[in-house]
């Protein structure tokens, strides 16, 4: 996908995606600091942050935002379902998001989704 676009457009797409990730992380930081009164490290793991950054380099901006939001909703729903059966204290967000993106890629590769890269 990214082989056929201009370098400036690619850099702008990555910059927009990184801004979305930084904005989301700053909101989580402020929420954990002022509302939960705990450190950022106890709220969000390093694996989660690294996955967010890796995903920022993987998709066009609109696709990234849509897939990221739906991935977070999928993670919430999956955690609420699995929380009923087990006593999970933390949310394995990186694992849930990885499962969501694996399902998304499988849907694309099997032809169920026409494209993952909408501009």
N, C-alpha and C. Protein backbone atom coordinates (compact mmCIF):
# COMPACT_ATOMS: atom_id res chain seq x y z
N UNK A 1 0.81 -1.18 0.00
CA UNK A 1 0.00 0.00 0.00
C UNK A 1 0.86 1.25 0.00
N UNK A 2 1.81 1.34 0.93
CA UNK A 2 2.59 2.56 1.06
C UNK A 2 3.68 2.67 -0.01
N UNK A 3 3.84 1.68 -0.86
CA UNK A 3 4.83 1.77 -1.94
C UNK A 3 4.36 2.71 -3.04
N UNK A 4 3.06 2.96 -3.13
CA UNK A 4 2.51 3.72 -4.24
C UNK A 4 2.13 5.15 -3.88
N UNK A 5 2.55 5.66 -2.73
CA UNK A 5 2.18 7.02 -2.35
C UNK A 5 3.42 7.88 -2.19
N UNK A 6 3.19 9.17 -2.16
CA UNK A 6 4.29 10.11 -2.02
C UNK A 6 4.85 10.06 -0.59
N UNK A 7 6.14 10.36 -0.49
CA UNK A 7 6.79 10.34 0.82
C UNK A 7 6.18 11.37 1.77
N UNK A 8 5.82 12.53 1.24
CA UNK A 8 5.23 13.57 2.10
C UNK A 8 3.90 13.12 2.68
N UNK A 9 3.11 12.45 1.85
CA UNK A 9 1.81 11.95 2.31
C UNK A 9 2.00 10.87 3.37
N UNK A 10 2.97 10.02 3.18
CA UNK A 10 3.27 8.97 4.15
C UNK A 10 3.69 9.58 5.49
N UNK A 11 4.57 10.57 5.44
CA UNK A 11 5.01 11.22 6.67
C UNK A 11 3.88 11.98 7.36
N UNK A 12 3.01 12.60 6.58
CA UNK A 12 1.88 13.30 7.17
C UNK A 12 0.91 12.30 7.82
N UNK A 13 0.69 11.17 7.19
CA UNK A 13 -0.17 10.14 7.75
C UNK A 13 0.39 9.61 9.06
N UNK A 14 1.67 9.34 9.08
CA UNK A 14 2.31 8.83 10.30
C UNK A 14 2.25 9.90 11.40
N UNK A 15 2.47 11.16 11.04
CA UNK A 15 2.41 12.25 12.03
C UNK A 15 1.01 12.38 12.62
N UNK A 16 -0.02 12.29 11.80
CA UNK A 16 -1.40 12.37 12.29
C UNK A 16 -1.69 11.21 13.22
N UNK A 17 -1.28 10.01 12.83
CA UNK A 17 -1.51 8.84 13.66
C UNK A 17 -0.79 8.95 15.00
N UNK A 18 0.44 9.43 14.96
CA UNK A 18 1.19 9.60 16.21
C UNK A 18 0.56 10.67 17.09
N UNK A 19 0.01 11.73 16.49
CA UNK A 19 -0.69 12.75 17.27
C UNK A 19 -1.93 12.17 17.95
N UNK A 20 -2.65 11.31 17.26
CA UNK A 20 -3.82 10.66 17.86
C UNK A 20 -3.38 9.81 19.04
N UNK A 21 -2.30 9.04 18.88
CA UNK A 21 -1.81 8.19 19.96
C UNK A 21 -1.34 9.04 21.14
N UNK A 22 -0.59 10.10 20.86
CA UNK A 22 -0.10 10.96 21.94
C UNK A 22 -1.27 11.64 22.65
N UNK A 23 -2.27 12.07 21.91
CA UNK A 23 -3.45 12.68 22.51
C UNK A 23 -4.16 11.68 23.43
N UNK A 24 -4.34 10.47 22.96
CA UNK A 24 -5.00 9.45 23.76
C UNK A 24 -4.18 9.10 25.01
N UNK A 25 -2.88 8.97 24.85
CA UNK A 25 -2.01 8.67 26.00
C UNK A 25 -1.99 9.82 27.00
N UNK A 26 -2.06 11.05 26.52
CA UNK A 26 -2.08 12.19 27.45
C UNK A 26 -3.39 12.23 28.24
N UNK A 27 -4.49 11.86 27.61
CA UNK A 27 -5.76 11.78 28.33
C UNK A 27 -5.70 10.69 29.39
N UNK A 28 -5.15 9.53 29.04
CA UNK A 28 -5.01 8.44 30.02
C UNK A 28 -4.08 8.87 31.14
N UNK A 29 -3.01 9.60 30.81
CA UNK A 29 -2.08 10.08 31.83
C UNK A 29 -2.77 11.02 32.80
N UNK A 30 -3.51 11.99 32.26
CA UNK A 30 -4.21 12.94 33.14
C UNK A 30 -5.29 12.25 33.97
N UNK A 31 -6.00 11.31 33.38
CA UNK A 31 -7.03 10.59 34.11
C UNK A 31 -6.42 9.77 35.24
N UNK A 32 -5.33 9.09 34.95
CA UNK A 32 -4.70 8.27 35.99
C UNK A 32 -4.08 9.14 37.08
N UNK A 33 -3.59 10.28 36.72
CA UNK A 33 -2.92 11.17 37.68
C UNK A 33 -3.92 11.88 38.59
N UNK A 34 -4.96 12.44 37.99
CA UNK A 34 -5.86 13.30 38.77
C UNK A 34 -7.11 12.60 39.27
N UNK A 35 -7.64 11.66 38.52
CA UNK A 35 -8.86 10.98 38.94
C UNK A 35 -8.55 9.71 39.73
N UNK A 36 -7.66 8.86 39.20
CA UNK A 36 -7.33 7.61 39.88
C UNK A 36 -6.28 7.79 40.96
N UNK A 37 -5.54 8.91 40.89
CA UNK A 37 -4.46 9.20 41.84
C UNK A 37 -3.42 8.08 41.89
N UNK A 38 -3.03 7.62 40.73
CA UNK A 38 -2.02 6.57 40.61
C UNK A 38 -1.05 6.94 39.49
N UNK A 39 0.01 6.20 39.38
CA UNK A 39 1.00 6.50 38.34
C UNK A 39 0.54 5.95 36.98
N UNK A 40 1.10 6.54 35.95
CA UNK A 40 0.77 6.13 34.59
C UNK A 40 1.20 4.69 34.33
N UNK A 41 2.32 4.27 34.94
CA UNK A 41 2.83 2.91 34.74
C UNK A 41 1.88 1.86 35.27
N UNK A 42 1.11 2.18 36.29
CA UNK A 42 0.14 1.22 36.83
C UNK A 42 -1.17 1.20 36.05
N UNK A 43 -1.38 2.22 35.23
CA UNK A 43 -2.61 2.32 34.46
C UNK A 43 -2.48 1.66 33.09
N UNK A 44 -1.38 1.89 32.43
CA UNK A 44 -1.17 1.39 31.07
C UNK A 44 0.22 0.78 30.99
N UNK A 45 0.30 -0.41 30.44
CA UNK A 45 1.59 -1.10 30.36
C UNK A 45 2.43 -0.66 29.19
N UNK A 46 3.70 -1.00 29.25
CA UNK A 46 4.63 -0.66 28.17
C UNK A 46 4.25 -1.37 26.88
N UNK A 47 3.77 -2.59 26.97
CA UNK A 47 3.33 -3.32 25.78
C UNK A 47 2.19 -2.63 25.06
N UNK A 48 1.27 -2.06 25.84
CA UNK A 48 0.15 -1.32 25.25
C UNK A 48 0.66 -0.10 24.47
N UNK A 49 1.55 0.65 25.08
CA UNK A 49 2.09 1.85 24.44
C UNK A 49 2.87 1.48 23.18
N UNK A 50 3.68 0.44 23.24
CA UNK A 50 4.45 0.02 22.07
C UNK A 50 3.54 -0.48 20.95
N UNK A 51 2.46 -1.17 21.30
CA UNK A 51 1.51 -1.61 20.28
C UNK A 51 0.83 -0.42 19.62
N UNK A 52 0.43 0.58 20.43
CA UNK A 52 -0.18 1.79 19.86
C UNK A 52 0.77 2.46 18.87
N UNK A 53 2.04 2.56 19.25
CA UNK A 53 3.02 3.19 18.36
C UNK A 53 3.24 2.38 17.09
N UNK A 54 3.28 1.07 17.21
CA UNK A 54 3.46 0.22 16.02
C UNK A 54 2.27 0.34 15.09
N UNK A 55 1.07 0.40 15.64
CA UNK A 55 -0.12 0.53 14.81
C UNK A 55 -0.18 1.88 14.12
N UNK A 56 0.40 2.90 14.72
CA UNK A 56 0.40 4.24 14.12
C UNK A 56 1.18 4.26 12.81
N UNK A 57 2.13 3.37 12.66
CA UNK A 57 2.92 3.29 11.43
C UNK A 57 2.30 2.35 10.39
N UNK A 58 1.19 1.70 10.73
CA UNK A 58 0.68 0.61 9.90
C UNK A 58 -0.48 0.96 9.00
N UNK A 59 -1.21 2.02 9.29
CA UNK A 59 -2.44 2.31 8.55
C UNK A 59 -2.51 3.77 8.15
N UNK A 60 -3.36 4.03 7.15
CA UNK A 60 -3.69 5.40 6.80
C UNK A 60 -4.50 5.99 7.95
N UNK A 61 -4.55 7.31 8.04
CA UNK A 61 -5.11 7.98 9.21
C UNK A 61 -6.56 7.60 9.50
N UNK A 62 -7.42 7.66 8.51
CA UNK A 62 -8.83 7.33 8.73
C UNK A 62 -8.97 5.87 9.14
N UNK A 63 -8.28 4.99 8.45
CA UNK A 63 -8.33 3.56 8.79
C UNK A 63 -7.80 3.33 10.20
N UNK A 64 -6.73 4.00 10.54
CA UNK A 64 -6.15 3.85 11.86
C UNK A 64 -7.13 4.26 12.95
N UNK A 65 -7.75 5.42 12.80
CA UNK A 65 -8.67 5.91 13.82
C UNK A 65 -9.87 4.98 13.95
N UNK A 66 -10.44 4.58 12.82
CA UNK A 66 -11.62 3.70 12.86
C UNK A 66 -11.26 2.35 13.47
N UNK A 67 -10.18 1.74 13.00
CA UNK A 67 -9.79 0.43 13.53
C UNK A 67 -9.36 0.53 14.99
N UNK A 68 -8.71 1.59 15.37
CA UNK A 68 -8.25 1.76 16.75
C UNK A 68 -9.44 1.89 17.70
N UNK A 69 -10.42 2.71 17.33
CA UNK A 69 -11.60 2.88 18.17
C UNK A 69 -12.38 1.57 18.27
N UNK A 70 -12.60 0.91 17.14
CA UNK A 70 -13.33 -0.35 17.20
C UNK A 70 -12.54 -1.42 17.94
N UNK A 71 -11.22 -1.36 17.85
CA UNK A 71 -10.39 -2.29 18.61
C UNK A 71 -10.51 -2.07 20.11
N UNK A 72 -10.58 -0.82 20.52
CA UNK A 72 -10.75 -0.51 21.95
C UNK A 72 -12.14 -0.93 22.44
N UNK A 73 -13.16 -0.73 21.61
CA UNK A 73 -14.51 -1.18 21.98
C UNK A 73 -14.55 -2.70 22.05
N UNK A 74 -13.93 -3.37 21.08
CA UNK A 74 -13.85 -4.83 21.09
C UNK A 74 -13.15 -5.32 22.35
N UNK A 75 -12.07 -4.65 22.74
CA UNK A 75 -11.34 -5.02 23.94
C UNK A 75 -12.20 -4.87 25.19
N UNK A 76 -12.95 -3.79 25.26
CA UNK A 76 -13.82 -3.57 26.40
C UNK A 76 -14.89 -4.65 26.49
N UNK A 77 -15.54 -4.94 25.38
CA UNK A 77 -16.60 -5.95 25.38
C UNK A 77 -16.03 -7.32 25.71
N UNK A 78 -14.90 -7.67 25.11
CA UNK A 78 -14.28 -8.96 25.37
C UNK A 78 -13.87 -9.08 26.83
N UNK A 79 -13.34 -8.01 27.39
CA UNK A 79 -12.93 -8.04 28.79
C UNK A 79 -14.13 -8.19 29.72
N UNK A 80 -15.22 -7.49 29.41
CA UNK A 80 -16.42 -7.61 30.23
C UNK A 80 -17.00 -9.02 30.17
N UNK A 81 -16.93 -9.66 29.01
CA UNK A 81 -17.41 -11.04 28.88
C UNK A 81 -16.50 -12.00 29.64
N UNK A 82 -15.20 -11.86 29.45
CA UNK A 82 -14.26 -12.77 30.10
C UNK A 82 -14.12 -12.51 31.59
N UNK A 83 -14.42 -11.30 32.02
CA UNK A 83 -14.34 -10.97 33.44
C UNK A 83 -15.38 -11.75 34.23
N UNK A 84 -16.50 -12.07 33.61
CA UNK A 84 -17.54 -12.85 34.25
C UNK A 84 -17.04 -14.25 34.61
N UNK A 85 -16.21 -14.82 33.74
CA UNK A 85 -15.76 -16.21 33.92
C UNK A 85 -14.50 -16.33 34.76
N UNK A 86 -13.67 -15.32 34.74
CA UNK A 86 -12.43 -15.36 35.53
C UNK A 86 -12.31 -14.07 36.32
N UNK A 87 -11.43 -14.07 37.24
CA UNK A 87 -11.25 -12.91 38.12
C UNK A 87 -10.04 -12.08 37.67
N UNK A 88 -10.09 -11.58 36.43
CA UNK A 88 -9.01 -10.74 35.92
C UNK A 88 -9.04 -9.39 36.61
N UNK A 89 -7.93 -8.97 37.16
CA UNK A 89 -7.84 -7.68 37.81
C UNK A 89 -7.38 -6.59 36.84
N UNK A 90 -6.60 -6.97 35.85
CA UNK A 90 -6.11 -6.01 34.87
C UNK A 90 -6.66 -6.37 33.49
N UNK A 91 -6.58 -5.42 32.60
CA UNK A 91 -7.05 -5.63 31.23
C UNK A 91 -5.82 -5.87 30.35
N UNK A 92 -5.71 -7.06 29.73
CA UNK A 92 -4.59 -7.29 28.81
C UNK A 92 -4.89 -6.63 27.45
N UNK A 93 -4.78 -5.31 27.44
CA UNK A 93 -5.21 -4.52 26.28
C UNK A 93 -4.43 -4.86 25.02
N UNK A 94 -3.13 -5.02 25.13
CA UNK A 94 -2.32 -5.34 23.95
C UNK A 94 -2.74 -6.68 23.36
N UNK A 95 -3.05 -7.64 24.21
CA UNK A 95 -3.49 -8.95 23.73
C UNK A 95 -4.84 -8.87 23.05
N UNK A 96 -5.78 -8.14 23.64
CA UNK A 96 -7.11 -7.98 23.04
C UNK A 96 -7.02 -7.24 21.72
N UNK A 97 -6.22 -6.18 21.67
CA UNK A 97 -6.07 -5.43 20.42
C UNK A 97 -5.39 -6.28 19.35
N UNK A 98 -4.42 -7.08 19.76
CA UNK A 98 -3.75 -7.97 18.80
C UNK A 98 -4.74 -8.98 18.23
N UNK A 99 -5.61 -9.50 19.08
CA UNK A 99 -6.64 -10.42 18.60
C UNK A 99 -7.58 -9.72 17.63
N UNK A 100 -7.97 -8.50 17.94
CA UNK A 100 -8.85 -7.74 17.05
C UNK A 100 -8.19 -7.51 15.69
N UNK A 101 -6.93 -7.12 15.70
CA UNK A 101 -6.26 -6.86 14.42
C UNK A 101 -5.98 -8.16 13.66
N UNK A 102 -5.77 -9.25 14.37
CA UNK A 102 -5.63 -10.55 13.70
C UNK A 102 -6.94 -10.93 13.01
N UNK A 103 -8.06 -10.71 13.68
CA UNK A 103 -9.36 -10.98 13.08
C UNK A 103 -9.61 -10.04 11.90
N UNK A 104 -9.21 -8.78 12.03
CA UNK A 104 -9.38 -7.83 10.93
C UNK A 104 -8.57 -8.24 9.71
N UNK A 105 -7.32 -8.64 9.93
CA UNK A 105 -6.49 -9.09 8.81
C UNK A 105 -7.02 -10.37 8.19
N UNK A 106 -7.50 -11.29 9.00
CA UNK A 106 -8.09 -12.53 8.45
C UNK A 106 -9.33 -12.22 7.62
N UNK A 107 -10.15 -11.27 8.07
CA UNK A 107 -11.32 -10.87 7.30
C UNK A 107 -10.90 -10.24 5.96
N UNK A 108 -9.83 -9.50 5.96
CA UNK A 108 -9.32 -8.90 4.73
C UNK A 108 -8.74 -9.96 3.80
N UNK A 109 -7.94 -10.87 4.34
CA UNK A 109 -7.29 -11.89 3.51
C UNK A 109 -8.28 -12.90 2.94
N UNK A 110 -9.39 -13.14 3.64
CA UNK A 110 -10.39 -14.08 3.12
C UNK A 110 -11.36 -13.41 2.17
N UNK A 111 -11.28 -12.10 2.00
CA UNK A 111 -12.13 -11.39 1.06
C UNK A 111 -13.40 -10.85 1.68
N UNK A 112 -13.59 -11.03 2.98
CA UNK A 112 -14.79 -10.51 3.64
C UNK A 112 -14.79 -8.99 3.68
N UNK A 113 -13.62 -8.41 3.92
CA UNK A 113 -13.45 -6.95 3.86
C UNK A 113 -12.74 -6.59 2.57
N UNK A 114 -13.24 -5.62 1.81
CA UNK A 114 -12.57 -5.26 0.55
C UNK A 114 -11.23 -4.59 0.74
N UNK A 115 -11.09 -3.77 1.79
CA UNK A 115 -9.82 -3.09 2.03
C UNK A 115 -9.73 -2.67 3.49
N UNK A 116 -8.52 -2.61 4.00
CA UNK A 116 -8.26 -2.09 5.33
C UNK A 116 -7.67 -0.69 5.26
N UNK A 117 -7.28 -0.27 4.07
CA UNK A 117 -6.52 0.96 3.90
C UNK A 117 -7.35 1.98 3.14
N UNK A 118 -8.31 2.60 3.81
CA UNK A 118 -9.15 3.61 3.19
C UNK A 118 -8.53 4.97 3.44
N UNK A 119 -8.43 5.77 2.41
CA UNK A 119 -7.84 7.11 2.57
C UNK A 119 -8.91 8.15 2.74
